[in-house]
Structures are given as structure tokens and as C-alpha cells.
Amino acid sequence: MALLNLHLLGSPVLRQQSAEVTAFNDELRQFIDDLFETMDTARGAGLAANQVGVARRVAVVDADGHRFAMVNPVIRLREGSVRGEEGCLSIPEMYADVTRAERIVVEAYDRDGQPWSLELSGYAARAVQHEIDHLDGVLYIDHLSPLKRGLLVARYRKDNRGEGHIKVLKPAAAGG
């Protein structure tokens, strides 16, 4: 497995519509393993391929006891509405309240091309919606009012001036 570099706000790939996956092979399975390792190292609840510079419809989630990969995911049902705080590995240390569906049904394929469907609510539903947004080139800040989005982006740019759009992750230290 390998740690992948994270793309940060301003990287063009974060705004790209991801391409459907057509080949379920060892390369895809390795990529999914790398996404999980990168997400775990960065201490995220999810990670989409766009966030590591690859515009393919692949994401991983680890939230509320659900840990899975989603290939070509589609939300088939959205119910209710709930507001909650979100952050993003691609916009580090910035948070805002976002309204999402309270309950969803997501359909996708697993790493071997087998279809699955899952009903989720709470934090796991929020994480799935957030990651699928990434695959569509949408960031959580796009759900904010223009004023709030502008303030958050200005603060991010000020705090990260000169940092670039790529974050290189370092392996977690052994022993804790």
C-alpha cells in the first residue's frame, strides 16, 4: 500500500466531474487500498479519488461503524434534512454547518465489481453525500451562502498562503 498526496483547495482536479470506472482489476483494488491507507493516516471519515488527484468515481468511507469502498456510487433515495458541521481533508482545519439528507440509500459496486446497496443515516449518510459530492466536483463549501463561503475561503487562503495545492502525508509514527 502507498500513501497518496492530498489535493487541497485550489487544485483543479477537485472541481472535475469524475469518470465512471469500467475495469475492476488489481489496479483498482490497489488504488482502493491506497485510498483507505491515506484516509486513515489523514484521520478522515472519507476520501474521494479526486482528493488524491484522480478523477475516477471511487471513494472510501469509515463512519459510524461502516467501512466500505464505493465504486460508481449513486444516491437512490434522500429523506429528511439535517444540519451539521463538516470539514474536509482538502480544506484542512476549516469547518462549517451544511444541510444534508438525514437518510439515504446508496448503490455502488465493491472493489470486485459486485453491486451493493446500503441504507444509511446520521454521520455515515453525511460522509457518503460529502464524498459523492467530491466525485461530482462539488465541495462542502458550495453548500454555504456566498458570504459564508467567501469568508471561509479568504481565511483558508490567508492561513495557507504559499503552501501550494498538494499536501504530502507522512506515515503515522509506530506505537501510538
Protein backbone atom coordinates (compact mmCIF):
# COMPACT_ATOMS: atom_id res chain seq x y z
CA MET A 1 0.00 0.00 0.00
CA ALA A 2 1.05 3.58 -0.53
CA LEU A 3 0.20 6.96 0.91
CA LEU A 4 -1.20 9.28 -1.75
CA ASN A 5 -0.77 13.05 -1.82
CA LEU A 6 -3.85 15.09 -0.89
CA HIS A 7 -5.04 17.80 -3.25
CA LEU A 8 -6.06 20.98 -1.46
CA LEU A 9 -8.47 23.80 -2.21
CA GLY A 10 -7.42 25.41 -5.47
CA SER A 11 -6.30 22.18 -7.14
CA PRO A 12 -8.26 21.91 -10.42
CA VAL A 13 -8.97 18.17 -10.01
CA LEU A 14 -11.24 18.94 -7.03
CA ARG A 15 -13.64 20.64 -9.46
CA GLN A 16 -13.63 17.88 -12.09
CA GLN A 17 -16.53 15.54 -12.76
CA SER A 18 -15.14 12.04 -12.18
CA ALA A 19 -15.24 9.38 -14.89
CA GLU A 20 -17.10 6.11 -14.37
CA VAL A 21 -14.95 3.10 -13.53
CA THR A 22 -15.19 0.40 -16.21
CA ALA A 23 -12.39 -2.01 -15.23
CA PHE A 24 -12.49 -3.90 -11.93
CA ASN A 25 -8.95 -5.19 -11.72
CA ASP A 26 -5.87 -5.38 -9.50
CA GLU A 27 -5.02 -1.74 -10.25
CA LEU A 28 -8.43 -0.61 -8.94
CA ARG A 29 -8.15 -2.83 -5.85
CA GLN A 30 -4.67 -1.42 -5.10
CA PHE A 31 -5.97 2.13 -5.57
CA ILE A 32 -8.80 1.44 -3.09
CA ASP A 33 -6.29 0.05 -0.57
CA ASP A 34 -4.18 3.19 -1.04
CA LEU A 35 -7.26 5.39 -0.52
CA PHE A 36 -8.03 3.61 2.76
CA GLU A 37 -4.42 3.94 3.96
CA THR A 38 -4.34 7.63 3.01
CA MET A 39 -7.72 8.31 4.69
CA ASP A 40 -6.63 6.50 7.86
CA THR A 41 -3.30 8.34 8.02
CA ALA A 42 -5.02 11.70 7.50
CA ARG A 43 -7.65 10.73 10.12
CA GLY A 44 -10.58 11.28 7.78
CA ALA A 45 -14.05 9.76 7.68
CA GLY A 46 -13.96 9.50 3.90
CA LEU A 47 -11.80 10.14 0.89
CA ALA A 48 -12.69 10.50 -2.78
CA ALA A 49 -10.36 9.80 -5.70
CA ASN A 50 -10.44 13.49 -6.74
CA GLN A 51 -8.83 14.36 -3.43
CA VAL A 52 -5.72 12.41 -4.42
CA GLY A 53 -5.63 13.77 -7.97
CA VAL A 54 -7.55 11.02 -9.77
CA ALA A 55 -10.87 11.95 -11.40
CA ARG A 56 -12.49 8.47 -11.18
CA ARG A 57 -15.74 7.57 -9.41
CA VAL A 58 -14.13 5.84 -6.42
CA ALA A 59 -14.38 6.79 -2.74
CA VAL A 60 -13.92 5.19 0.66
CA VAL A 61 -15.83 5.83 3.88
CA ASP A 62 -15.26 4.94 7.53
CA ALA A 63 -18.03 6.40 9.69
CA ASP A 64 -20.42 5.17 12.40
CA GLY A 65 -19.11 1.61 12.20
CA HIS A 66 -19.46 1.45 8.41
CA ARG A 67 -16.22 0.98 6.45
CA PHE A 68 -16.52 0.45 2.71
CA ALA A 69 -15.37 1.39 -0.76
CA MET A 70 -17.82 2.84 -3.27
CA VAL A 71 -17.19 2.47 -6.99
CA ASN A 72 -19.57 4.41 -9.27
CA PRO A 73 -21.86 5.31 -6.33
CA VAL A 74 -25.34 6.75 -6.81
CA ILE A 75 -27.73 8.00 -4.15
CA ARG A 76 -31.13 6.46 -4.96
CA LEU A 77 -33.13 7.93 -2.06
CA ARG A 78 -32.81 11.03 0.09
CA GLU A 79 -35.13 11.68 3.04
CA GLY A 80 -35.29 14.36 5.67
CA SER A 81 -32.93 17.20 6.25
CA VAL A 82 -30.36 17.75 8.96
CA ARG A 83 -27.75 20.43 9.52
CA GLY A 84 -24.34 19.53 10.87
CA GLU A 85 -20.71 20.55 10.94
CA GLU A 86 -18.47 19.37 8.13
CA GLY A 87 -14.81 19.60 7.40
CA CYS A 88 -12.70 18.22 4.59
CA LEU A 89 -9.21 16.80 4.21
CA SER A 90 -8.84 19.03 1.13
CA ILE A 91 -9.69 22.17 3.14
CA PRO A 92 -7.84 21.40 6.39
CA GLU A 93 -8.90 22.96 9.68
CA MET A 94 -11.93 24.74 8.19
CA TYR A 95 -15.44 23.78 9.29
CA ALA A 96 -18.97 24.91 8.54
CA ASP A 97 -22.56 23.77 9.06
CA VAL A 98 -24.02 22.09 5.98
CA THR A 99 -27.54 20.79 5.39
CA ARG A 100 -27.71 17.22 4.04
CA ALA A 101 -30.33 14.50 3.71
CA GLU A 102 -30.86 12.75 7.03
CA ARG A 103 -31.34 9.30 5.49
CA ILE A 104 -30.08 7.95 2.17
CA VAL A 105 -29.94 4.78 0.15
CA VAL A 106 -26.70 4.48 -1.79
CA GLU A 107 -25.96 1.97 -4.53
CA ALA A 108 -22.45 1.23 -5.73
CA TYR A 109 -20.06 -1.52 -6.71
CA ASP A 110 -17.42 -3.05 -4.45
CA ARG A 111 -13.76 -3.48 -5.31
CA ASP A 112 -14.56 -6.66 -7.27
CA GLY A 113 -17.41 -5.19 -9.32
CA GLN A 114 -20.21 -6.65 -7.20
CA PRO A 115 -23.22 -4.34 -6.78
CA TRP A 116 -24.44 -3.43 -3.31
CA SER A 117 -26.97 -1.13 -1.69
CA LEU A 118 -26.98 0.35 1.79
CA GLU A 119 -29.41 2.48 3.78
CA LEU A 120 -27.61 4.98 5.99
CA SER A 121 -28.47 7.78 8.35
CA GLY A 122 -26.54 10.09 10.65
CA TYR A 123 -22.84 10.68 10.23
CA ALA A 124 -22.35 7.82 7.75
CA ALA A 125 -25.04 9.28 5.45
CA ARG A 126 -23.37 12.69 5.70
CA ALA A 127 -19.96 11.19 4.85
CA VAL A 128 -21.31 9.37 1.79
CA GLN A 129 -23.03 12.52 0.50
CA HIS A 130 -19.84 14.53 1.07
CA GLU A 131 -17.70 12.00 -0.85
CA ILE A 132 -20.14 11.68 -3.76
CA ASP A 133 -20.16 15.48 -3.99
CA HIS A 134 -16.37 15.28 -4.45
CA LEU A 135 -16.84 12.85 -7.33
CA ASP A 136 -19.10 15.46 -8.95
CA GLY A 137 -16.58 18.28 -8.44
CA VAL A 138 -18.58 19.80 -5.56
CA LEU A 139 -17.02 20.87 -2.25
CA TYR A 140 -18.91 21.24 1.02
CA ILE A 141 -18.30 24.98 0.88
CA ASP A 142 -20.51 25.10 -2.23
CA HIS A 143 -23.48 24.39 0.07
CA LEU A 144 -22.82 27.59 2.03
CA SER A 145 -24.18 31.05 1.34
CA PRO A 146 -21.92 33.14 -0.91
CA LEU A 147 -20.98 35.31 2.08
CA LYS A 148 -20.03 32.38 4.36
CA ARG A 149 -18.19 30.63 1.53
CA GLY A 150 -16.25 33.80 0.72
CA LEU A 151 -15.24 34.32 4.35
CA LEU A 152 -14.13 30.70 4.78
CA VAL A 153 -12.12 30.70 1.53
CA ALA A 154 -10.48 34.03 2.41
CA ARG A 155 -9.50 32.71 5.85
CA TYR A 156 -8.17 29.47 4.33
CA ARG A 157 -6.07 31.38 1.77
CA LYS A 158 -4.70 33.70 4.45
CA ASP A 159 -3.81 30.79 6.76
CA ASN A 160 -2.25 28.75 3.94
CA ARG A 161 -0.52 31.44 1.88
CA GLY A 162 2.32 29.96 -0.14
CA GLU A 163 1.52 26.36 0.82
CA GLY A 164 0.51 25.17 -2.68
CA HIS A 165 -2.28 22.76 -3.59
CA ILE A 166 -0.66 19.44 -2.65
CA LYS A 167 -0.17 18.01 0.83
CA VAL A 168 2.34 15.19 1.20
CA LEU A 169 1.34 12.85 4.01
CA LYS A 170 3.91 11.20 6.25
CA PRO A 171 3.39 7.68 7.61
CA ALA A 172 1.97 7.59 11.13
CA ALA A 173 4.55 7.05 13.85
CA ALA A 174 4.64 3.49 15.18
CA GLY A 175 3.48 2.80 18.70
CA GLY A 176 0.73 5.23 19.05
